[in-house]
Amino acid sequence: MKYVQVITFFISFAVISVYSAQWKALPNANFLQGRTGECYDSLMQIGYMKTGESKTNQGSCVKVNCLVDGSISYYGCPALMNCGSYTADSSKPYPYCCPICLRE
């Protein structure tokens, strides 16, 4: 059953991230046993977060939020469609690090 959940998460992650700038991860029960009011993020390697806390990982343009139910929401940059060239600044925090389409 756990294997099916992991596969479902990664398929959902791949499909949703192509069309949207937001996705969600289920609570990580292995790391949250006996810990209330927290989330654990392993995808962006942030670790433990308090409920309501938001963090970004240096070098990636993704905002990570810890939700009340222990799940985590991720906000990333939307896909650029029909864009010949673009610019991005990974040193800036989300969402200012997202790529911007340059019009030629």
PDB file of N, CA and C in Angstrom:
ATOM      1  N   MET A   1       0.817  -1.191   0.000  1.00  0.00           N
ATOM      2  CA  MET A   1       0.000   0.000   0.000  1.00  0.00           C
ATOM      3  C   MET A   1       0.865   1.260   0.000  1.00  0.00           C
ATOM      4  N   LYS A   2       1.932   1.236   0.814  1.00  0.00           N
ATOM      5  CA  LYS A   2       2.827   2.394   0.899  1.00  0.00           C
ATOM      6  C   LYS A   2       3.503   2.639  -0.455  1.00  0.00           C
ATOM      7  N   TYR A   3       3.878   1.569  -1.128  1.00  0.00           N
ATOM      8  CA  TYR A   3       4.509   1.676  -2.436  1.00  0.00           C
ATOM      9  C   TYR A   3       3.575   2.359  -3.428  1.00  0.00           C
ATOM     10  N   VAL A   4       2.287   2.020  -3.390  1.00  0.00           N
ATOM     11  CA  VAL A   4       1.296   2.617  -4.283  1.00  0.00           C
ATOM     12  C   VAL A   4       1.159   4.107  -4.000  1.00  0.00           C
ATOM     13  N   GLN A   5       1.183   4.499  -2.712  1.00  0.00           N
ATOM     14  CA  GLN A   5       1.091   5.915  -2.353  1.00  0.00           C
ATOM     15  C   GLN A   5       2.285   6.696  -2.887  1.00  0.00           C
ATOM     16  N   VAL A   6       3.469   6.132  -2.785  1.00  0.00           N
ATOM     17  CA  VAL A   6       4.673   6.808  -3.271  1.00  0.00           C
ATOM     18  C   VAL A   6       4.613   6.977  -4.783  1.00  0.00           C
ATOM     19  N   ILE A   7       4.253   5.922  -5.503  1.00  0.00           N
ATOM     20  CA  ILE A   7       4.145   5.991  -6.959  1.00  0.00           C
ATOM     21  C   ILE A   7       3.081   7.004  -7.357  1.00  0.00           C
ATOM     22  N   THR A   8       1.927   6.972  -6.676  1.00  0.00           N
ATOM     23  CA  THR A   8       0.849   7.918  -6.970  1.00  0.00           C
ATOM     24  C   THR A   8       1.309   9.342  -6.746  1.00  0.00           C
ATOM     25  N   PHE A   9       2.057   9.577  -5.671  1.00  0.00           N
ATOM     26  CA  PHE A   9       2.564  10.929  -5.392  1.00  0.00           C
ATOM     27  C   PHE A   9       3.461  11.413  -6.525  1.00  0.00           C
ATOM     28  N   PHE A  10       4.408  10.600  -6.945  1.00  0.00           N
ATOM     29  CA  PHE A  10       5.336  11.038  -7.983  1.00  0.00           C
ATOM     30  C   PHE A  10       4.656  11.229  -9.334  1.00  0.00           C
ATOM     31  N   ILE A  11       3.683  10.393  -9.663  1.00  0.00           N
ATOM     32  CA  ILE A  11       2.938  10.590 -10.906  1.00  0.00           C
ATOM     33  C   ILE A  11       2.131  11.880 -10.817  1.00  0.00           C
ATOM     34  N   SER A  12       1.453  12.089  -9.688  1.00  0.00           N
ATOM     35  CA  SER A  12       0.681  13.326  -9.493  1.00  0.00           C
ATOM     36  C   SER A  12       1.599  14.532  -9.539  1.00  0.00           C
ATOM     37  N   PHE A  13       2.751  14.429  -8.900  1.00  0.00           N
ATOM     38  CA  PHE A  13       3.720  15.521  -8.880  1.00  0.00           C
ATOM     39  C   PHE A  13       4.150  15.880 -10.297  1.00  0.00           C
ATOM     40  N   ALA A  14       4.462  14.882 -11.103  1.00  0.00           N
ATOM     41  CA  ALA A  14       4.909  15.132 -12.472  1.00  0.00           C
ATOM     42  C   ALA A  14       3.807  15.755 -13.319  1.00  0.00           C
ATOM     43  N   VAL A  15       2.595  15.231 -13.220  1.00  0.00           N
ATOM     44  CA  VAL A  15       1.489  15.743 -14.027  1.00  0.00           C
ATOM     45  C   VAL A  15       1.093  17.145 -13.588  1.00  0.00           C
ATOM     46  N   ILE A  16       0.944  17.356 -12.286  1.00  0.00           N
ATOM     47  CA  ILE A  16       0.512  18.648 -11.782  1.00  0.00           C
ATOM     48  C   ILE A  16       1.568  19.714 -12.022  1.00  0.00           C
ATOM     49  N   SER A  17       2.836  19.388 -11.832  1.00  0.00           N
ATOM     50  CA  SER A  17       3.868  20.407 -11.961  1.00  0.00           C
ATOM     51  C   SER A  17       4.033  20.901 -13.399  1.00  0.00           C
ATOM     52  N   VAL A  18       3.625  20.118 -14.373  1.00  0.00           N
ATOM     53  CA  VAL A  18       3.695  20.565 -15.754  1.00  0.00           C
ATOM     54  C   VAL A  18       2.647  21.638 -16.031  1.00  0.00           C
ATOM     55  N   TYR A  19       1.468  21.505 -15.452  1.00  0.00           N
ATOM     56  CA  TYR A  19       0.363  22.408 -15.738  1.00  0.00           C
ATOM     57  C   TYR A  19       0.129  23.470 -14.670  1.00  0.00           C
ATOM     58  N   SER A  20       0.719  23.321 -13.510  1.00  0.00           N
ATOM     59  CA  SER A  20       0.431  24.213 -12.405  1.00  0.00           C
ATOM     60  C   SER A  20       1.705  24.545 -11.661  1.00  0.00           C
ATOM     61  N   ALA A  21       1.642  25.616 -10.892  1.00  0.00           N
ATOM     62  CA  ALA A  21       2.783  26.011 -10.094  1.00  0.00           C
ATOM     63  C   ALA A  21       2.610  25.603  -8.640  1.00  0.00           C
ATOM     64  N   GLN A  22       1.642  24.722  -8.336  1.00  0.00           N
ATOM     65  CA  GLN A  22       1.399  24.302  -6.963  1.00  0.00           C
ATOM     66  C   GLN A  22       1.167  22.804  -6.906  1.00  0.00           C
ATOM     67  N   TRP A  23       1.701  22.163  -5.864  1.00  0.00           N
ATOM     68  CA  TRP A  23       1.424  20.754  -5.618  1.00  0.00           C
ATOM     69  C   TRP A  23       1.495  20.515  -4.117  1.00  0.00           C
ATOM     70  N   LYS A  24       1.053  19.339  -3.670  1.00  0.00           N
ATOM     71  CA  LYS A  24       0.942  19.052  -2.249  1.00  0.00           C
ATOM     72  C   LYS A  24       1.474  17.659  -1.955  1.00  0.00           C
ATOM     73  N   ALA A  25       2.139  17.514  -0.815  1.00  0.00           N
ATOM     74  CA  ALA A  25       2.641  16.221  -0.359  1.00  0.00           C
ATOM     75  C   ALA A  25       1.875  15.802   0.890  1.00  0.00           C
ATOM     76  N   LEU A  26       1.567  14.521   1.002  1.00  0.00           N
ATOM     77  CA  LEU A  26       0.884  13.985   2.173  1.00  0.00           C
ATOM     78  C   LEU A  26       1.806  14.045   3.389  1.00  0.00           C
ATOM     79  N   PRO A  27       1.237  14.031   4.607  1.00  0.00           N
ATOM     80  CA  PRO A  27       2.084  14.025   5.804  1.00  0.00           C
ATOM     81  C   PRO A  27       3.036  12.836   5.794  1.00  0.00           C
ATOM     82  N   ASN A  28       4.257  13.051   6.251  1.00  0.00           N
ATOM     83  CA  ASN A  28       5.271  12.001   6.304  1.00  0.00           C
ATOM     84  C   ASN A  28       5.220  11.340   7.681  1.00  0.00           C
ATOM     85  N   ALA A  29       4.439  10.270   7.793  1.00  0.00           N
ATOM     86  CA  ALA A  29       4.186   9.610   9.076  1.00  0.00           C
ATOM     87  C   ALA A  29       5.464   9.078   9.726  1.00  0.00           C
ATOM     88  N   ASN A  30       6.454   8.687   8.944  1.00  0.00           N
ATOM     89  CA  ASN A  30       7.694   8.149   9.503  1.00  0.00           C
ATOM     90  C   ASN A  30       8.433   9.185  10.351  1.00  0.00           C
ATOM     91  N   PHE A  31       8.362  10.449   9.984  1.00  0.00           N
ATOM     92  CA  PHE A  31       9.089  11.496  10.690  1.00  0.00           C
ATOM     93  C   PHE A  31       8.222  12.253  11.693  1.00  0.00           C
ATOM     94  N   LEU A  32       6.894  12.094  11.642  1.00  0.00           N
ATOM     95  CA  LEU A  32       6.007  12.890  12.481  1.00  0.00           C
ATOM     96  C   LEU A  32       5.439  12.138  13.680  1.00  0.00           C
ATOM     97  N   GLN A  33       5.879  10.924  13.936  1.00  0.00           N
ATOM     98  CA  GLN A  33       5.361  10.151  15.070  1.00  0.00           C
ATOM     99  C   GLN A  33       5.663  10.888  16.374  1.00  0.00           C
ATOM    100  N   GLY A  34       4.599  11.184  17.118  1.00  0.00           N
ATOM    101  CA  GLY A  34       4.762  11.857  18.396  1.00  0.00           C
ATOM    102  C   GLY A  34       5.025  13.349  18.294  1.00  0.00           C
ATOM    103  N   ARG A  35       4.962  13.908  17.104  1.00  0.00           N
ATOM    104  CA  ARG A  35       5.216  15.336  16.916  1.00  0.00           C
ATOM    105  C   ARG A  35       3.951  15.968  16.350  1.00  0.00           C
ATOM    106  N   THR A  36       3.351  16.863  17.090  1.00  0.00           N
ATOM    107  CA  THR A  36       2.153  17.540  16.607  1.00  0.00           C
ATOM    108  C   THR A  36       2.504  18.979  16.258  1.00  0.00           C
ATOM    109  N   GLY A  37       1.749  19.537  15.325  1.00  0.00           N
ATOM    110  CA  GLY A  37       1.981  20.917  14.922  1.00  0.00           C
ATOM    111  C   GLY A  37       3.216  21.096  14.067  1.00  0.00           C
ATOM    112  N   GLU A  38       3.643  20.014  13.405  1.00  0.00           N
ATOM    113  CA  GLU A  38       4.834  20.088  12.565  1.00  0.00           C
ATOM    114  C   GLU A  38       4.627  19.344  11.250  1.00  0.00           C
ATOM    115  N   CYS A  39       5.480  19.647  10.303  1.00  0.00           N
ATOM    116  CA  CYS A  39       5.568  18.945   9.019  1.00  0.00           C
ATOM    117  C   CYS A  39       7.019  18.545   8.829  1.00  0.00           C
ATOM    118  N   TYR A  40       7.230  17.576   7.957  1.00  0.00           N
ATOM    119  CA  TYR A  40       8.599  17.200   7.604  1.00  0.00           C
ATOM    120  C   TYR A  40       8.718  17.160   6.095  1.00  0.00           C
ATOM    121  N   ASP A  41       9.649  17.949   5.563  1.00  0.00           N
ATOM    122  CA  ASP A  41       9.879  17.992   4.128  1.00  0.00           C
ATOM    123  C   ASP A  41      11.195  17.315   3.793  1.00  0.00           C
ATOM    124  N   SER A  42      11.141  16.304   2.937  1.00  0.00           N
ATOM    125  CA  SER A  42      12.360  15.661   2.460  1.00  0.00           C
ATOM    126  C   SER A  42      12.600  15.979   0.982  1.00  0.00           C
ATOM    127  N   LEU A  43      11.562  16.384   0.267  1.00  0.00           N
ATOM    128  CA  LEU A  43      11.682  16.670  -1.167  1.00  0.00           C
ATOM    129  C   LEU A  43      12.648  17.825  -1.434  1.00  0.00           C
ATOM    130  N   MET A  44      12.492  18.920  -0.705  1.00  0.00           N
ATOM    131  CA  MET A  44      13.354  20.094  -0.880  1.00  0.00           C
ATOM    132  C   MET A  44      14.468  20.137   0.168  1.00  0.00           C
ATOM    133  N   GLN A  45      14.562  19.087   0.993  1.00  0.00           N
ATOM    134  CA  GLN A  45      15.580  18.929   2.032  1.00  0.00           C
ATOM    135  C   GLN A  45      15.561  20.070   3.048  1.00  0.00           C
ATOM    136  N   ILE A  46      14.353  20.477   3.449  1.00  0.00           N
ATOM    137  CA  ILE A  46      14.203  21.524   4.455  1.00  0.00           C
ATOM    138  C   ILE A  46      14.143  20.924   5.852  1.00  0.00           C
ATOM    139  N   GLY A  47      13.538  19.748   5.994  1.00  0.00           N
ATOM    140  CA  GLY A  47      13.438  19.112   7.303  1.00  0.00           C
ATOM    141  C   GLY A  47      12.155  19.500   8.012  1.00  0.00           C
ATOM    142  N   TYR A  48      12.240  19.657   9.344  1.00  0.00           N
ATOM    143  CA  TYR A  48      11.051  19.960  10.144  1.00  0.00           C
ATOM    144  C   TYR A  48      10.651  21.420  10.029  1.00  0.00           C
ATOM    145  N   MET A  49       9.337  21.637  10.022  1.00  0.00           N
ATOM    146  CA  MET A  49       8.763  22.982   9.983  1.00  0.00           C
ATOM    147  C   MET A  49       7.576  23.023  10.930  1.00  0.00           C
ATOM    148  N   LYS A  50       7.302  24.169  11.501  1.00  0.00           N
ATOM    149  CA  LYS A  50       6.128  24.363  12.356  1.00  0.00           C
ATOM    150  C   LYS A  50       4.904  24.635  11.478  1.00  0.00           C
ATOM    151  N   THR A  51       3.715  24.263  11.967  1.00  0.00           N
ATOM    152  CA  THR A  51       2.469  24.540  11.252  1.00  0.00           C
ATOM    153  C   THR A  51       2.365  26.035  10.961  1.00  0.00           C
ATOM    154  N   GLY A  52       2.037  26.363   9.717  1.00  0.00           N
ATOM    155  CA  GLY A  52       1.916  27.758   9.291  1.00  0.00           C
ATOM    156  C   GLY A  52       3.219  28.374   8.816  1.00  0.00           C
ATOM    157  N   GLU A  53       4.318  27.684   8.983  1.00  0.00           N
ATOM    158  CA  GLU A  53       5.630  28.203   8.579  1.00  0.00           C
ATOM    159  C   GLU A  53       5.838  28.011   7.079  1.00  0.00           C
ATOM    160  N   SER A  54       6.528  28.968   6.463  1.00  0.00           N
ATOM    161  CA  SER A  54       6.904  28.895   5.052  1.00  0.00           C
ATOM    162  C   SER A  54       8.412  29.047   4.936  1.00  0.00           C
ATOM    163  N   LYS A  55       9.002  28.266   4.047  1.00  0.00           N
ATOM    164  CA  LYS A  55      10.448  28.343   3.822  1.00  0.00           C
ATOM    165  C   LYS A  55      10.737  28.166   2.337  1.00  0.00           C
ATOM    166  N   THR A  56      11.909  28.599   1.944  1.00  0.00           N
ATOM    167  CA  THR A  56      12.417  28.329   0.604  1.00  0.00           C
ATOM    168  C   THR A  56      13.777  27.677   0.744  1.00  0.00           C
ATOM    169  N   ASN A  57      14.137  26.898  -0.244  1.00  0.00           N
ATOM    170  CA  ASN A  57      15.426  26.228  -0.256  1.00  0.00           C
ATOM    171  C   ASN A  57      16.363  27.028  -1.139  1.00  0.00           C
ATOM    172  N   GLN A  58      17.522  27.380  -0.641  1.00  0.00           N
ATOM    173  CA  GLN A  58      18.491  28.155  -1.399  1.00  0.00           C
ATOM    174  C   GLN A  58      18.811  27.461  -2.727  1.00  0.00           C
ATOM    175  N   GLY A  59      18.707  28.197  -3.808  1.00  0.00           N
ATOM    176  CA  GLY A  59      19.040  27.664  -5.116  1.00  0.00           C
ATOM    177  C   GLY A  59      17.877  27.067  -5.886  1.00  0.00           C
ATOM    178  N   SER A  60      16.724  26.906  -5.225  1.00  0.00           N
ATOM    179  CA  SER A  60      15.552  26.422  -5.954  1.00  0.00           C
ATOM    180  C   SER A  60      14.436  27.444  -5.784  1.00  0.00           C
ATOM    181  N   CYS A  61      13.685  27.647  -6.806  1.00  0.00           N
ATOM    182  CA  CYS A  61      12.639  28.665  -6.784  1.00  0.00           C
ATOM    183  C   CYS A  61      11.313  28.030  -6.403  1.00  0.00           C
ATOM    184  N   VAL A  62      11.237  27.554  -5.161  1.00  0.00           N
ATOM    185  CA  VAL A  62      10.046  26.886  -4.651  1.00  0.00           C
ATOM    186  C   VAL A  62       9.792  27.367  -3.228  1.00  0.00           C
ATOM    187  N   LYS A  63       8.532  27.689  -2.930  1.00  0.00           N
ATOM    188  CA  LYS A  63       8.117  28.058  -1.577  1.00  0.00           C
ATOM    189  C   LYS A  63       7.420  26.845  -0.969  1.00  0.00           C
ATOM    190  N   VAL A  64       7.794  26.486   0.257  1.00  0.00           N
ATOM    191  CA  VAL A  64       7.275  25.313   0.942  1.00  0.00           C
ATOM    192  C   VAL A  64       6.482  25.781   2.166  1.00  0.00           C
ATOM    193  N   ASN A  65       5.221  25.333   2.285  1.00  0.00           N
ATOM    194  CA  ASN A  65       4.349  25.708   3.407  1.00  0.00           C
ATOM    195  C   ASN A  65       3.957  24.472   4.205  1.00  0.00           C
ATOM    196  N   CYS A  66       4.012  24.582   5.529  1.00  0.00           N
ATOM    197  CA  CYS A  66       3.560  23.513   6.425  1.00  0.00           C
ATOM    198  C   CYS A  66       2.095  23.752   6.764  1.00  0.00           C
ATOM    199  N   LEU A  67       1.243  22.797   6.430  1.00  0.00           N
ATOM    200  CA  LEU A  67      -0.199  22.935   6.647  1.00  0.00           C
ATOM    201  C   LEU A  67      -0.631  22.286   7.966  1.00  0.00           C
ATOM    202  N   VAL A  68      -1.804  22.646   8.448  1.00  0.00           N
ATOM    203  CA  VAL A  68      -2.318  22.200   9.741  1.00  0.00           C
ATOM    204  C   VAL A  68      -2.392  20.678   9.856  1.00  0.00           C
ATOM    205  N   ASP A  69      -2.719  19.985   8.762  1.00  0.00           N
ATOM    206  CA  ASP A  69      -2.867  18.528   8.812  1.00  0.00           C
ATOM    207  C   ASP A  69      -1.534  17.780   8.691  1.00  0.00           C
ATOM    208  N   GLY A  70      -0.417  18.504   8.674  1.00  0.00           N
ATOM    209  CA  GLY A  70       0.897  17.871   8.561  1.00  0.00           C
ATOM    210  C   GLY A  70       1.369  17.705   7.132  1.00  0.00           C
ATOM    211  N   SER A  71       0.509  18.029   6.173  1.00  0.00           N
ATOM    212  CA  SER A  71       0.924  17.951   4.772  1.00  0.00           C
ATOM    213  C   SER A  71       1.683  19.223   4.394  1.00  0.00           C
ATOM    214  N   ILE A  72       2.285  19.197   3.246  1.00  0.00           N
ATOM    215  CA  ILE A  72       3.099  20.319   2.784  1.00  0.00           C
ATOM    216  C   ILE A  72       2.628  20.744   1.408  1.00  0.00           C
ATOM    217  N   SER A  73       2.506  22.055   1.221  1.00  0.00           N
ATOM    218  CA  SER A  73       2.198  22.560  -0.117  1.00  0.00           C
ATOM    219  C   SER A  73       3.450  23.207  -0.674  1.00  0.00           C
ATOM    220  N   TYR A  74       3.641  23.006  -1.962  1.00  0.00           N
ATOM    221  CA  TYR A  74       4.798  23.544  -2.678  1.00  0.00           C
ATOM    222  C   TYR A  74       4.289  24.508  -3.738  1.00  0.00           C
ATOM    223  N   TYR A  75       4.934  25.651  -3.832  1.00  0.00           N
ATOM    224  CA  TYR A  75       4.603  26.633  -4.863  1.00  0.00           C
ATOM    225  C   TYR A  75       5.857  26.852  -5.694  1.00  0.00           C
ATOM    226  N   GLY A  76       5.745  26.562  -6.986  1.00  0.00           N
ATOM    227  CA  GLY A  76       6.862  26.753  -7.901  1.00  0.00           C
ATOM    228  C   GLY A  76       6.462  27.687  -9.018  1.00  0.00           C
ATOM    229  N   CYS A  77       7.367  27.901  -9.916  1.00  0.00           N
ATOM    230  CA  CYS A  77       7.131  28.811 -11.038  1.00  0.00           C
ATOM    231  C   CYS A  77       6.269  28.140 -12.108  1.00  0.00           C
ATOM    232  N   PRO A  78       5.378  28.898 -12.717  1.00  0.00           N
ATOM    233  CA  PRO A  78       4.582  28.329 -13.810  1.00  0.00           C
ATOM    234  C   PRO A  78       5.464  28.081 -15.035  1.00  0.00           C
ATOM    235  N   ALA A  79       5.041  27.146 -15.847  1.00  0.00           N
ATOM    236  CA  ALA A  79       5.774  26.843 -17.076  1.00  0.00           C
ATOM    237  C   ALA A  79       5.635  28.002 -18.057  1.00  0.00           C
ATOM    238  N   LEU A  80       6.698  28.276 -18.783  1.00  0.00           N
ATOM    239  CA  LEU A  80       6.669  29.313 -19.820  1.00  0.00           C
ATOM    240  C   LEU A  80       6.337  28.653 -21.147  1.00  0.00           C
ATOM    241  N   MET A  81       5.257  29.090 -21.744  1.00  0.00           N
ATOM    242  CA  MET A  81       4.837  28.531 -23.033  1.00  0.00           C
ATOM    243  C   MET A  81       5.159  29.518 -24.149  1.00  0.00           C
ATOM    244  N   ASN A  82       5.609  29.003 -25.279  1.00  0.00           N
ATOM    245  CA  ASN A  82       5.915  29.830 -26.450  1.00  0.00           C
ATOM    246  C   ASN A  82       6.839  30.992 -26.120  1.00  0.00           C
ATOM    247  N   CYS A  83       7.896  30.665 -25.415  1.00  0.00           N
ATOM    248  CA  CYS A  83       8.854  31.683 -25.011  1.00  0.00           C
ATOM    249  C   CYS A  83      10.204  31.350 -25.644  1.00  0.00           C
ATOM    250  N   GLY A  84      10.655  32.193 -26.538  1.00  0.00           N
ATOM    251  CA  GLY A  84      11.930  31.946 -27.208  1.00  0.00           C
ATOM    252  C   GLY A  84      13.108  32.072 -26.262  1.00  0.00           C
ATOM    253  N   SER A  85      13.112  33.108 -25.436  1.00  0.00           N
ATOM    254  CA  SER A  85      14.187  33.292 -24.467  1.00  0.00           C
ATOM    255  C   SER A  85      13.604  33.865 -23.178  1.00  0.00           C
ATOM    256  N   TYR A  86      14.307  33.627 -22.097  1.00  0.00           N
ATOM    257  CA  TYR A  86      13.823  34.083 -20.793  1.00  0.00           C
ATOM    258  C   TYR A  86      14.990  34.434 -19.894  1.00  0.00           C
ATOM    259  N   THR A  87      14.677  35.099 -18.797  1.00  0.00           N
ATOM    260  CA  THR A  87      15.668  35.431 -17.789  1.00  0.00           C
ATOM    261  C   THR A  87      15.149  34.999 -16.422  1.00  0.00           C
ATOM    262  N   ALA A  88      16.046  34.640 -15.529  1.00  0.00           N
ATOM    263  CA  ALA A  88      15.674  34.244 -14.165  1.00  0.00           C
ATOM    264  C   ALA A  88      16.833  34.586 -13.242  1.00  0.00           C
ATOM    265  N   ASP A  89      16.529  34.868 -11.994  1.00  0.00           N
ATOM    266  CA  ASP A  89      17.564  35.194 -11.009  1.00  0.00           C
ATOM    267  C   ASP A  89      17.367  34.307  -9.788  1.00  0.00           C
ATOM    268  N   SER A  90      18.120  33.210  -9.713  1.00  0.00           N
ATOM    269  CA  SER A  90      17.961  32.237  -8.632  1.00  0.00           C
ATOM    270  C   SER A  90      18.445  32.762  -7.283  1.00  0.00           C
ATOM    271  N   SER A  91      19.073  33.917  -7.252  1.00  0.00           N
ATOM    272  CA  SER A  91      19.507  34.484  -5.977  1.00  0.00           C
ATOM    273  C   SER A  91      18.363  35.187  -5.251  1.00  0.00           C
ATOM    274  N   LYS A  92      17.264  35.450  -5.957  1.00  0.00           N
ATOM    275  CA  LYS A  92      16.113  36.131  -5.354  1.00  0.00           C
ATOM    276  C   LYS A  92      15.169  35.121  -4.721  1.00  0.00           C
ATOM    277  N   PRO A  93      14.382  35.559  -3.716  1.00  0.00           N
ATOM    278  CA  PRO A  93      13.408  34.648  -3.099  1.00  0.00           C
ATOM    279  C   PRO A  93      12.204  34.432  -4.012  1.00  0.00           C
ATOM    280  N   TYR A  94      11.448  33.363  -3.731  1.00  0.00           N
ATOM    281  CA  TYR A  94      10.226  33.077  -4.482  1.00  0.00           C
ATOM    282  C   TYR A  94       9.222  34.193  -4.227  1.00  0.00           C
ATOM    283  N   PRO A  95       8.509  34.670  -5.193  1.00  0.00           N
ATOM    284  CA  PRO A  95       8.376  34.298  -6.603  1.00  0.00           C
ATOM    285  C   PRO A  95       9.265  35.124  -7.536  1.00  0.00           C
ATOM    286  N   TYR A  96      10.117  35.986  -6.963  1.00  0.00           N
ATOM    287  CA  TYR A  96      10.939  36.881  -7.785  1.00  0.00           C
ATOM    288  C   TYR A  96      12.054  36.151  -8.532  1.00  0.00           C
ATOM    289  N   CYS A  97      12.291  34.896  -8.171  1.00  0.00           N
ATOM    290  CA  CYS A  97      13.298  34.085  -8.844  1.00  0.00           C
ATOM    291  C   CYS A  97      12.751  33.375 -10.090  1.00  0.00           C
ATOM    292  N   CYS A  98      11.428  33.421 -10.291  1.00  0.00           N
ATOM    293  CA  CYS A  98      10.813  32.725 -11.426  1.00  0.00           C
ATOM    294  C   CYS A  98      11.261  33.316 -12.751  1.00  0.00           C
ATOM    295  N   PRO A  99      11.379  32.489 -13.776  1.00  0.00           N
ATOM    296  CA  PRO A  99      11.771  32.969 -15.095  1.00  0.00           C
ATOM    297  C   PRO A  99      10.731  33.930 -15.677  1.00  0.00           C
ATOM    298  N   ILE A 100      11.217  34.902 -16.412  1.00  0.00           N
ATOM    299  CA  ILE A 100      10.375  35.874 -17.080  1.00  0.00           C
ATOM    300  C   ILE A 100      10.669  35.807 -18.576  1.00  0.00           C
ATOM    301  N   CYS A 101       9.622  35.697 -19.367  1.00  0.00           N
ATOM    302  CA  CYS A 101       9.769  35.602 -20.812  1.00  0.00           C
ATOM    303  C   CYS A 101      10.228  36.943 -21.372  1.00  0.00           C
ATOM    304  N   LEU A 102      11.252  36.897 -22.218  1.00  0.00           N
ATOM    305  CA  LEU A 102      11.746  38.110 -22.868  1.00  0.00           C
ATOM    306  C   LEU A 102      11.112  38.206 -24.245  1.00  0.00           C
ATOM    307  N   ARG A 103      10.545  39.318 -24.552  1.00  0.00           N
ATOM    308  CA  ARG A 103       9.946  39.539 -25.859  1.00  0.00           C
ATOM    309  C   ARG A 103      11.003  40.117 -26.790  1.00  0.00           C
ATOM    310  N   GLU A 104      11.121  39.505 -27.935  1.00  0.00           N
ATOM    311  CA  GLU A 104      12.133  39.968 -28.908  1.00  0.00           C
ATOM    312  C   GLU A 104      11.508  40.764 -30.011  1.00  0.00           C
TER     313      GLU A 104
END
